[in-house]
Amino acid sequence: MKQLLSEELLDDLYAWLSDRAAGARACPGNAEIARRYEFGSVATAAKAVGRLEKQGRITVLRGWTARQATIVATGDSTAPIRQADRAKRALPAAGALRVAVPSGPRIVGPVGRQCQWIDGEPRGDDTCKCLRETEPGESWCRAHRERVYLPPEVAEERFGPVSGTARVADRRRVS
């Protein structure tokens, strides 16, 4: 990738963007850049623009389907992106999202934080989870926390077969 995005290529892309900005024309999209420089993917084009931005040569205002590049040295910008495109990409205002970030498991039940130990195959609902009450800041109930931090052999010896291990599968074949 570093060989593909040579300084010569980046200089040429910068000159092209500068020319587009001087005329207030639309900033080229990743597909257009990829075609011009014969990149194998549009991701490489996005990386080239990102590299110019990291170098401090341009700043980029991104919308959903377009971007506006500003040449730092001259202050010239490509055509502004439609406000609708920008609004689609914008994050909600602070306070609009009410996200509680508890210290511990993410699922909080009627009695507080609940054990996230999964028995059997995971399903989309919580019926496969233990869901016993946990200590603050813990993801598992006391019994499962003790089991999680033990080597499989020790856990199997203390608590019985550990589901999902080869040793359990071997026992089933023998039985």
N, C-alpha and C. Protein backbone atom coordinates (compact mmCIF):
# COMPACT_ATOMS: atom_id res chain seq x y z
N MET A 1 0.82 -1.19 0.00
CA MET A 1 0.00 0.00 0.00
C MET A 1 0.87 1.26 0.00
N LYS A 2 1.93 1.26 0.79
CA LYS A 2 2.78 2.44 0.86
C LYS A 2 3.42 2.72 -0.49
N GLN A 3 3.77 1.66 -1.24
CA GLN A 3 4.36 1.86 -2.55
C GLN A 3 3.33 2.41 -3.52
N LEU A 4 2.09 1.94 -3.40
CA LEU A 4 1.03 2.39 -4.28
C LEU A 4 0.71 3.86 -4.05
N LEU A 5 0.67 4.28 -2.80
CA LEU A 5 0.38 5.67 -2.48
C LEU A 5 1.69 6.44 -2.29
N SER A 6 2.41 6.57 -3.35
CA SER A 6 3.70 7.26 -3.31
C SER A 6 3.49 8.76 -3.12
N GLU A 7 4.54 9.44 -2.72
CA GLU A 7 4.46 10.90 -2.55
C GLU A 7 4.13 11.58 -3.87
N GLU A 8 4.64 11.03 -4.96
CA GLU A 8 4.35 11.61 -6.28
C GLU A 8 2.85 11.52 -6.57
N LEU A 9 2.25 10.38 -6.29
CA LEU A 9 0.82 10.21 -6.51
C LEU A 9 0.02 11.14 -5.60
N LEU A 10 0.42 11.22 -4.35
CA LEU A 10 -0.28 12.10 -3.41
C LEU A 10 -0.15 13.57 -3.82
N ASP A 11 1.02 13.96 -4.33
CA ASP A 11 1.20 15.33 -4.83
C ASP A 11 0.26 15.60 -6.00
N ASP A 12 0.12 14.61 -6.90
CA ASP A 12 -0.77 14.77 -8.05
C ASP A 12 -2.23 14.88 -7.60
N LEU A 13 -2.63 14.05 -6.65
CA LEU A 13 -3.99 14.10 -6.12
C LEU A 13 -4.23 15.45 -5.44
N TYR A 14 -3.25 15.93 -4.69
CA TYR A 14 -3.36 17.23 -4.03
C TYR A 14 -3.54 18.34 -5.07
N ALA A 15 -2.76 18.29 -6.15
CA ALA A 15 -2.87 19.30 -7.20
C ALA A 15 -4.26 19.25 -7.85
N TRP A 16 -4.77 18.03 -8.06
CA TRP A 16 -6.10 17.87 -8.65
C TRP A 16 -7.18 18.44 -7.72
N LEU A 17 -7.08 18.12 -6.44
CA LEU A 17 -8.05 18.65 -5.48
C LEU A 17 -7.93 20.18 -5.37
N SER A 18 -6.72 20.71 -5.44
CA SER A 18 -6.50 22.15 -5.39
C SER A 18 -7.17 22.83 -6.58
N ASP A 19 -7.03 22.22 -7.75
CA ASP A 19 -7.65 22.74 -8.97
C ASP A 19 -9.18 22.73 -8.83
N ARG A 20 -9.72 21.63 -8.31
CA ARG A 20 -11.18 21.53 -8.13
C ARG A 20 -11.64 22.57 -7.11
N ALA A 21 -10.86 22.77 -6.05
CA ALA A 21 -11.24 23.74 -5.02
C ALA A 21 -11.16 25.18 -5.53
N ALA A 22 -10.15 25.48 -6.35
CA ALA A 22 -10.01 26.83 -6.90
C ALA A 22 -11.23 27.20 -7.74
N GLY A 23 -11.82 26.22 -8.42
CA GLY A 23 -13.01 26.47 -9.22
C GLY A 23 -14.30 26.18 -8.47
N ALA A 24 -14.22 25.86 -7.19
CA ALA A 24 -15.38 25.53 -6.36
C ALA A 24 -16.22 24.42 -6.98
N ARG A 25 -15.54 23.47 -7.64
CA ARG A 25 -16.25 22.32 -8.22
C ARG A 25 -16.35 21.21 -7.19
N ALA A 26 -17.19 20.24 -7.47
CA ALA A 26 -17.44 19.15 -6.53
C ALA A 26 -16.15 18.36 -6.28
N CYS A 27 -16.01 17.92 -5.07
CA CYS A 27 -14.87 17.07 -4.71
C CYS A 27 -15.09 15.70 -5.35
N PRO A 28 -14.06 15.15 -5.96
CA PRO A 28 -14.24 13.83 -6.57
C PRO A 28 -14.50 12.76 -5.51
N GLY A 29 -15.34 11.82 -5.86
CA GLY A 29 -15.63 10.72 -4.97
C GLY A 29 -14.55 9.66 -5.06
N ASN A 30 -14.64 8.67 -4.19
CA ASN A 30 -13.64 7.60 -4.17
C ASN A 30 -13.59 6.84 -5.49
N ALA A 31 -14.75 6.60 -6.10
CA ALA A 31 -14.79 5.85 -7.37
C ALA A 31 -14.08 6.63 -8.46
N GLU A 32 -14.30 7.95 -8.52
CA GLU A 32 -13.65 8.78 -9.54
C GLU A 32 -12.13 8.82 -9.33
N ILE A 33 -11.70 8.92 -8.09
CA ILE A 33 -10.27 8.92 -7.79
C ILE A 33 -9.66 7.57 -8.15
N ALA A 34 -10.36 6.49 -7.82
CA ALA A 34 -9.86 5.14 -8.12
C ALA A 34 -9.71 4.94 -9.63
N ARG A 35 -10.68 5.44 -10.40
CA ARG A 35 -10.56 5.32 -11.87
C ARG A 35 -9.38 6.13 -12.39
N ARG A 36 -9.24 7.36 -11.92
CA ARG A 36 -8.18 8.24 -12.41
C ARG A 36 -6.79 7.65 -12.16
N TYR A 37 -6.59 7.08 -10.97
CA TYR A 37 -5.27 6.56 -10.60
C TYR A 37 -5.15 5.05 -10.76
N GLU A 38 -6.18 4.45 -11.34
CA GLU A 38 -6.21 3.00 -11.62
C GLU A 38 -5.95 2.17 -10.37
N PHE A 39 -6.62 2.56 -9.27
CA PHE A 39 -6.56 1.77 -8.06
C PHE A 39 -7.43 0.54 -8.22
N GLY A 40 -7.11 -0.49 -7.48
CA GLY A 40 -7.90 -1.71 -7.54
C GLY A 40 -9.20 -1.62 -6.76
N SER A 41 -9.30 -0.64 -5.84
CA SER A 41 -10.51 -0.51 -5.05
C SER A 41 -10.72 0.94 -4.65
N VAL A 42 -11.97 1.23 -4.29
CA VAL A 42 -12.27 2.59 -3.82
C VAL A 42 -11.69 2.82 -2.43
N ALA A 43 -11.42 1.76 -1.69
CA ALA A 43 -10.82 1.90 -0.36
C ALA A 43 -9.45 2.55 -0.46
N THR A 44 -8.71 2.22 -1.51
CA THR A 44 -7.39 2.82 -1.70
C THR A 44 -7.52 4.31 -1.96
N ALA A 45 -8.56 4.69 -2.70
CA ALA A 45 -8.80 6.12 -2.95
C ALA A 45 -9.12 6.83 -1.65
N ALA A 46 -9.94 6.22 -0.81
CA ALA A 46 -10.27 6.81 0.49
C ALA A 46 -9.02 6.96 1.35
N LYS A 47 -8.13 5.97 1.29
CA LYS A 47 -6.88 6.04 2.05
C LYS A 47 -5.99 7.16 1.55
N ALA A 48 -5.99 7.39 0.24
CA ALA A 48 -5.17 8.47 -0.33
C ALA A 48 -5.66 9.82 0.18
N VAL A 49 -6.98 10.03 0.17
CA VAL A 49 -7.54 11.28 0.70
C VAL A 49 -7.23 11.39 2.19
N GLY A 50 -7.38 10.29 2.91
CA GLY A 50 -7.06 10.29 4.33
C GLY A 50 -5.61 10.62 4.61
N ARG A 51 -4.73 10.13 3.76
CA ARG A 51 -3.30 10.41 3.94
C ARG A 51 -3.02 11.91 3.77
N LEU A 52 -3.66 12.54 2.76
CA LEU A 52 -3.49 13.99 2.58
C LEU A 52 -4.03 14.75 3.80
N GLU A 53 -5.11 14.24 4.35
CA GLU A 53 -5.69 14.87 5.53
C GLU A 53 -4.75 14.73 6.73
N LYS A 54 -4.17 13.54 6.92
CA LYS A 54 -3.23 13.32 8.02
C LYS A 54 -1.99 14.19 7.88
N GLN A 55 -1.58 14.43 6.64
CA GLN A 55 -0.41 15.29 6.41
C GLN A 55 -0.71 16.76 6.67
N GLY A 56 -1.99 17.09 6.87
CA GLY A 56 -2.37 18.47 7.15
C GLY A 56 -2.47 19.33 5.91
N ARG A 57 -2.51 18.71 4.76
CA ARG A 57 -2.59 19.48 3.51
C ARG A 57 -4.02 19.85 3.16
N ILE A 58 -4.99 19.03 3.60
CA ILE A 58 -6.40 19.31 3.35
C ILE A 58 -7.19 19.01 4.62
N THR A 59 -8.38 19.59 4.70
CA THR A 59 -9.36 19.19 5.70
C THR A 59 -10.57 18.70 4.94
N VAL A 60 -11.29 17.76 5.51
CA VAL A 60 -12.42 17.16 4.80
C VAL A 60 -13.66 17.22 5.68
N LEU A 61 -14.74 17.69 5.08
CA LEU A 61 -16.06 17.68 5.70
C LEU A 61 -16.83 16.59 4.99
N ARG A 62 -17.21 15.53 5.72
CA ARG A 62 -17.83 14.37 5.09
C ARG A 62 -19.34 14.40 5.26
N GLY A 63 -20.02 14.09 4.17
CA GLY A 63 -21.46 13.88 4.18
C GLY A 63 -21.73 12.41 4.01
N TRP A 64 -22.97 12.05 3.76
CA TRP A 64 -23.31 10.65 3.58
C TRP A 64 -22.82 10.14 2.23
N THR A 65 -23.00 10.94 1.19
CA THR A 65 -22.64 10.50 -0.16
C THR A 65 -21.61 11.39 -0.83
N ALA A 66 -21.13 12.40 -0.15
CA ALA A 66 -20.18 13.33 -0.76
C ALA A 66 -19.27 13.90 0.32
N ARG A 67 -18.25 14.62 -0.13
CA ARG A 67 -17.36 15.29 0.82
C ARG A 67 -16.96 16.64 0.26
N GLN A 68 -16.53 17.52 1.13
CA GLN A 68 -16.01 18.82 0.75
C GLN A 68 -14.59 18.91 1.27
N ALA A 69 -13.65 19.15 0.37
CA ALA A 69 -12.25 19.25 0.75
C ALA A 69 -11.84 20.72 0.75
N THR A 70 -11.11 21.11 1.77
CA THR A 70 -10.57 22.47 1.85
C THR A 70 -9.05 22.38 1.83
N ILE A 71 -8.45 23.15 0.94
CA ILE A 71 -6.99 23.19 0.83
C ILE A 71 -6.49 24.11 1.93
N VAL A 72 -5.71 23.59 2.84
CA VAL A 72 -5.27 24.34 4.01
C VAL A 72 -4.42 25.55 3.60
N ALA A 73 -3.55 25.39 2.63
CA ALA A 73 -2.64 26.46 2.24
C ALA A 73 -3.36 27.67 1.66
N THR A 74 -4.44 27.45 0.91
CA THR A 74 -5.13 28.55 0.24
C THR A 74 -6.48 28.90 0.86
N GLY A 75 -7.08 27.95 1.57
CA GLY A 75 -8.41 28.17 2.11
C GLY A 75 -9.52 27.89 1.11
N ASP A 76 -9.15 27.54 -0.14
CA ASP A 76 -10.15 27.22 -1.15
C ASP A 76 -10.82 25.88 -0.81
N SER A 77 -12.12 25.80 -1.13
CA SER A 77 -12.86 24.57 -0.86
C SER A 77 -13.58 24.10 -2.11
N THR A 78 -13.75 22.80 -2.19
CA THR A 78 -14.58 22.25 -3.25
C THR A 78 -16.03 22.63 -2.96
N ALA A 79 -16.93 22.33 -3.87
CA ALA A 79 -18.33 22.70 -3.71
C ALA A 79 -18.87 22.17 -2.39
N PRO A 80 -19.71 22.97 -1.73
CA PRO A 80 -20.27 22.50 -0.46
C PRO A 80 -21.17 21.29 -0.67
N ILE A 81 -21.18 20.42 0.31
CA ILE A 81 -22.07 19.26 0.21
C ILE A 81 -23.46 19.70 0.66
N ARG A 82 -24.44 19.01 0.14
CA ARG A 82 -25.82 19.35 0.51
C ARG A 82 -26.01 19.13 2.00
N GLN A 83 -26.75 20.00 2.63
CA GLN A 83 -26.98 19.89 4.07
C GLN A 83 -27.63 18.56 4.42
N ALA A 84 -28.50 18.05 3.54
CA ALA A 84 -29.16 16.77 3.80
C ALA A 84 -28.13 15.65 3.90
N ASP A 85 -27.11 15.69 3.04
CA ASP A 85 -26.06 14.68 3.11
C ASP A 85 -25.29 14.78 4.42
N ARG A 86 -25.03 16.00 4.85
CA ARG A 86 -24.29 16.19 6.09
C ARG A 86 -25.13 15.76 7.29
N ALA A 87 -26.41 16.07 7.26
CA ALA A 87 -27.28 15.73 8.39
C ALA A 87 -27.39 14.22 8.56
N LYS A 88 -27.39 13.48 7.47
CA LYS A 88 -27.48 12.03 7.57
C LYS A 88 -26.28 11.45 8.31
N ARG A 89 -25.13 12.08 8.18
CA ARG A 89 -23.91 11.55 8.77
C ARG A 89 -23.66 12.11 10.17
N ALA A 90 -24.31 13.20 10.51
CA ALA A 90 -24.03 13.87 11.78
C ALA A 90 -24.48 13.02 12.96
N LEU A 91 -23.76 13.14 14.04
CA LEU A 91 -24.13 12.45 15.28
C LEU A 91 -25.23 13.24 15.97
N PRO A 92 -26.06 12.58 16.74
CA PRO A 92 -27.08 13.30 17.49
C PRO A 92 -26.44 14.29 18.46
N ALA A 93 -27.17 15.33 18.78
CA ALA A 93 -26.67 16.35 19.70
C ALA A 93 -26.44 15.73 21.07
N ALA A 94 -25.52 16.31 21.81
CA ALA A 94 -25.23 15.81 23.15
C ALA A 94 -26.50 15.87 23.98
N GLY A 95 -26.75 14.82 24.71
CA GLY A 95 -27.95 14.75 25.52
C GLY A 95 -29.11 14.10 24.80
N ALA A 96 -29.05 14.04 23.46
CA ALA A 96 -30.13 13.41 22.70
C ALA A 96 -30.13 11.91 22.94
N LEU A 97 -28.96 11.35 23.10
CA LEU A 97 -28.86 9.93 23.41
C LEU A 97 -28.71 9.78 24.91
N ARG A 98 -29.50 8.93 25.49
CA ARG A 98 -29.36 8.67 26.91
C ARG A 98 -28.83 7.27 27.07
N VAL A 99 -27.54 7.18 27.14
CA VAL A 99 -26.90 5.88 27.24
C VAL A 99 -26.30 5.74 28.62
N ALA A 100 -26.78 4.77 29.34
CA ALA A 100 -26.21 4.49 30.65
C ALA A 100 -25.03 3.56 30.45
N VAL A 101 -23.94 3.87 31.06
CA VAL A 101 -22.76 3.04 30.96
C VAL A 101 -22.46 2.48 32.33
N PRO A 102 -23.08 1.35 32.66
CA PRO A 102 -22.85 0.78 33.98
C PRO A 102 -21.48 0.12 34.04
N SER A 103 -20.95 -0.02 35.23
CA SER A 103 -19.72 -0.77 35.39
C SER A 103 -20.13 -2.20 35.66
N GLY A 104 -20.04 -3.03 34.67
CA GLY A 104 -20.45 -4.43 34.80
C GLY A 104 -21.19 -4.86 33.56
N PRO A 105 -21.99 -5.90 33.68
CA PRO A 105 -22.68 -6.41 32.51
C PRO A 105 -23.67 -5.38 31.96
N ARG A 106 -23.93 -5.49 30.67
CA ARG A 106 -24.79 -4.53 30.01
C ARG A 106 -26.26 -4.75 30.32
N ILE A 107 -26.66 -5.98 30.57
CA ILE A 107 -28.06 -6.27 30.77
C ILE A 107 -28.42 -6.09 32.24
N VAL A 108 -29.38 -5.24 32.48
CA VAL A 108 -29.83 -4.99 33.84
C VAL A 108 -31.26 -5.48 33.93
N GLY A 109 -31.52 -6.39 34.84
CA GLY A 109 -32.85 -6.96 35.00
C GLY A 109 -33.61 -6.29 36.13
N PRO A 110 -34.75 -6.84 36.48
CA PRO A 110 -35.59 -6.24 37.51
C PRO A 110 -34.93 -6.21 38.89
N VAL A 111 -33.96 -7.11 39.12
CA VAL A 111 -33.31 -7.15 40.43
C VAL A 111 -31.90 -6.58 40.40
N GLY A 112 -31.50 -5.97 39.32
CA GLY A 112 -30.16 -5.41 39.20
C GLY A 112 -29.38 -6.08 38.09
N ARG A 113 -28.06 -6.05 38.20
CA ARG A 113 -27.23 -6.65 37.17
C ARG A 113 -27.37 -8.16 37.21
N GLN A 114 -27.33 -8.78 36.00
CA GLN A 114 -27.57 -10.20 35.91
C GLN A 114 -26.41 -10.93 35.25
N CYS A 115 -26.19 -12.18 35.66
CA CYS A 115 -25.10 -13.02 35.17
C CYS A 115 -25.23 -13.25 33.66
N GLN A 116 -24.13 -13.08 32.96
CA GLN A 116 -24.12 -13.22 31.51
C GLN A 116 -23.59 -14.58 31.05
N TRP A 117 -23.45 -15.53 31.95
CA TRP A 117 -22.98 -16.87 31.62
C TRP A 117 -23.96 -17.49 30.62
N ILE A 118 -23.45 -18.02 29.52
CA ILE A 118 -24.29 -18.62 28.50
C ILE A 118 -24.22 -20.14 28.63
N ASP A 119 -25.39 -20.77 28.80
CA ASP A 119 -25.50 -22.22 28.82
C ASP A 119 -25.99 -22.67 27.46
N GLY A 120 -25.26 -23.56 26.81
CA GLY A 120 -25.69 -24.07 25.51
C GLY A 120 -25.38 -23.10 24.38
N GLU A 121 -26.17 -23.16 23.33
CA GLU A 121 -25.97 -22.31 22.17
C GLU A 121 -26.58 -20.93 22.41
N PRO A 122 -25.85 -19.86 22.06
CA PRO A 122 -26.41 -18.52 22.21
C PRO A 122 -27.63 -18.33 21.30
N ARG A 123 -28.62 -17.61 21.80
CA ARG A 123 -29.81 -17.29 21.02
C ARG A 123 -30.00 -15.78 21.06
N GLY A 124 -30.89 -15.30 20.25
CA GLY A 124 -31.13 -13.86 20.18
C GLY A 124 -31.71 -13.27 21.45
N ASP A 125 -32.38 -14.07 22.24
CA ASP A 125 -32.93 -13.58 23.49
C ASP A 125 -32.00 -13.98 24.64
N ASP A 126 -32.41 -13.71 25.85
CA ASP A 126 -31.57 -14.00 27.01
C ASP A 126 -31.89 -15.34 27.67
N THR A 127 -32.67 -16.19 27.03
CA THR A 127 -33.06 -17.44 27.67
C THR A 127 -31.90 -18.41 27.82
N CYS A 128 -30.80 -18.17 27.12
CA CYS A 128 -29.64 -19.05 27.24
C CYS A 128 -28.69 -18.59 28.35
N LYS A 129 -28.99 -17.47 29.00
CA LYS A 129 -28.10 -16.92 30.03
C LYS A 129 -28.56 -17.30 31.43
N CYS A 130 -27.62 -17.30 32.34
CA CYS A 130 -27.88 -17.63 33.74
C CYS A 130 -28.84 -16.61 34.37
N LEU A 131 -28.53 -15.34 34.25
CA LEU A 131 -29.35 -14.22 34.73
C LEU A 131 -29.52 -14.13 36.24
N ARG A 132 -28.67 -14.81 37.03
CA ARG A 132 -28.70 -14.61 38.48
C ARG A 132 -28.10 -13.24 38.79
N GLU A 133 -28.40 -12.71 39.93
CA GLU A 133 -27.89 -11.40 40.34
C GLU A 133 -26.37 -11.47 40.52
N THR A 134 -25.68 -10.39 40.15
CA THR A 134 -24.22 -10.32 40.27
C THR A 134 -23.83 -9.20 41.23
N GLU A 135 -22.57 -9.22 41.61
CA GLU A 135 -22.01 -8.13 42.40
C GLU A 135 -21.81 -6.93 41.47
N PRO A 136 -21.84 -5.70 41.99
CA PRO A 136 -21.59 -4.53 41.14
C PRO A 136 -20.23 -4.64 40.44
N GLY A 137 -20.22 -4.38 39.14
CA GLY A 137 -18.98 -4.41 38.36
C GLY A 137 -18.61 -5.78 37.84
N GLU A 138 -19.39 -6.80 38.14
CA GLU A 138 -19.08 -8.16 37.69
C GLU A 138 -20.04 -8.58 36.57
N SER A 139 -19.56 -9.44 35.67
CA SER A 139 -20.38 -9.94 34.58
C SER A 139 -21.03 -11.28 34.90
N TRP A 140 -20.50 -11.97 35.90
CA TRP A 140 -21.01 -13.30 36.23
C TRP A 140 -21.37 -13.38 37.71
N CYS A 141 -22.29 -14.30 38.01
CA CYS A 141 -22.61 -14.58 39.42
C CYS A 141 -21.37 -15.21 40.06
N ARG A 142 -21.39 -15.34 41.38
CA ARG A 142 -20.22 -15.84 42.09
C ARG A 142 -19.81 -17.23 41.60
N ALA A 143 -20.76 -18.13 41.41
CA ALA A 143 -20.44 -19.50 40.97
C ALA A 143 -19.79 -19.51 39.60
N HIS A 144 -20.32 -18.74 38.66
CA HIS A 144 -19.76 -18.73 37.31
C HIS A 144 -18.44 -17.97 37.25
N ARG A 145 -18.30 -16.93 38.08
CA ARG A 145 -17.03 -16.19 38.11
C ARG A 145 -15.90 -17.10 38.57
N GLU A 146 -16.18 -17.94 39.57
CA GLU A 146 -15.17 -18.89 40.04
C GLU A 146 -14.79 -19.87 38.94
N ARG A 147 -15.75 -20.26 38.16
CA ARG A 147 -15.51 -21.24 37.09
C ARG A 147 -14.76 -20.62 35.90
N VAL A 148 -15.04 -19.36 35.61
CA VAL A 148 -14.43 -18.69 34.46
C VAL A 148 -12.92 -18.58 34.60
N TYR A 149 -12.45 -18.30 35.79
CA TYR A 149 -11.04 -18.04 35.98
C TYR A 149 -10.23 -19.27 36.38
N LEU A 150 -10.71 -20.44 36.06
CA LEU A 150 -9.98 -21.68 36.34
C LEU A 150 -9.58 -22.35 35.04
N PRO A 151 -8.44 -23.07 35.02
CA PRO A 151 -8.09 -23.86 33.85
C PRO A 151 -9.19 -24.90 33.62
N PRO A 152 -9.49 -25.28 32.38
CA PRO A 152 -10.59 -26.21 32.09
C PRO A 152 -10.51 -27.51 32.89
N GLU A 153 -9.30 -28.05 33.08
CA GLU A 153 -9.16 -29.31 33.81
C GLU A 153 -9.62 -29.16 35.26
N VAL A 154 -9.22 -28.04 35.89
CA VAL A 154 -9.58 -27.80 37.29
C VAL A 154 -11.08 -27.54 37.38
N ALA A 155 -11.62 -26.75 36.45
CA ALA A 155 -13.06 -26.46 36.47
C ALA A 155 -13.86 -27.74 36.28
N GLU A 156 -13.40 -28.61 35.38
CA GLU A 156 -14.10 -29.87 35.13
C GLU A 156 -14.05 -30.77 36.35
N GLU A 157 -12.90 -30.77 37.02
CA GLU A 157 -12.75 -31.60 38.21
C GLU A 157 -13.68 -31.10 39.33
N ARG A 158 -13.77 -29.79 39.50
CA ARG A 158 -14.58 -29.22 40.57
C ARG A 158 -16.07 -29.19 40.26
N PHE A 159 -16.41 -28.86 39.00
CA PHE A 159 -17.81 -28.58 38.69
C PHE A 159 -18.43 -29.55 37.69
N GLY A 160 -17.68 -30.52 37.21
CA GLY A 160 -18.22 -31.44 36.21
C GLY A 160 -17.78 -31.02 34.81
N PRO A 161 -18.26 -31.73 33.80
CA PRO A 161 -17.82 -31.45 32.42
C PRO A 161 -18.09 -30.01 32.01
N VAL A 162 -17.11 -29.43 31.32
CA VAL A 162 -17.22 -28.09 30.79
C VAL A 162 -17.74 -28.21 29.37
N SER A 163 -18.94 -27.70 29.11
CA SER A 163 -19.52 -27.83 27.77
C SER A 163 -18.66 -27.12 26.75
N GLY A 164 -18.59 -27.71 25.54
CA GLY A 164 -17.84 -27.10 24.45
C GLY A 164 -16.39 -27.50 24.38
N THR A 165 -15.92 -28.38 25.26
CA THR A 165 -14.52 -28.80 25.21
C THR A 165 -14.41 -30.16 24.55
N ALA A 166 -13.24 -30.48 24.05
CA ALA A 166 -13.00 -31.77 23.40
C ALA A 166 -13.20 -32.92 24.38
N ARG A 167 -12.85 -32.71 25.65
CA ARG A 167 -12.96 -33.79 26.64
C ARG A 167 -14.42 -34.21 26.80
N VAL A 168 -15.35 -33.28 26.79
CA VAL A 168 -16.77 -33.61 26.89
C VAL A 168 -17.20 -34.36 25.65
N ALA A 169 -16.75 -33.91 24.48
CA ALA A 169 -17.11 -34.57 23.22
C ALA A 169 -16.56 -36.00 23.21
N ASP A 170 -15.34 -36.20 23.70
CA ASP A 170 -14.75 -37.54 23.75
C ASP A 170 -15.56 -38.45 24.66
N ARG A 171 -16.02 -37.94 25.80
CA ARG A 171 -16.82 -38.74 26.72
C ARG A 171 -18.14 -39.16 26.09
N ARG A 172 -18.74 -38.26 25.32
CA ARG A 172 -20.01 -38.58 24.69
C ARG A 172 -19.85 -39.69 23.66
N ARG A 173 -18.74 -39.68 22.94
CA ARG A 173 -18.49 -40.72 21.93
C ARG A 173 -18.29 -42.09 22.59
N VAL A 174 -17.62 -42.09 23.75
CA VAL A 174 -17.33 -43.33 24.45
C VAL A 174 -18.59 -43.89 25.07
N SER A 175 -19.45 -43.04 25.59
CA SER A 175 -20.67 -43.49 26.28
C SER A 175 -21.65 -44.16 25.36
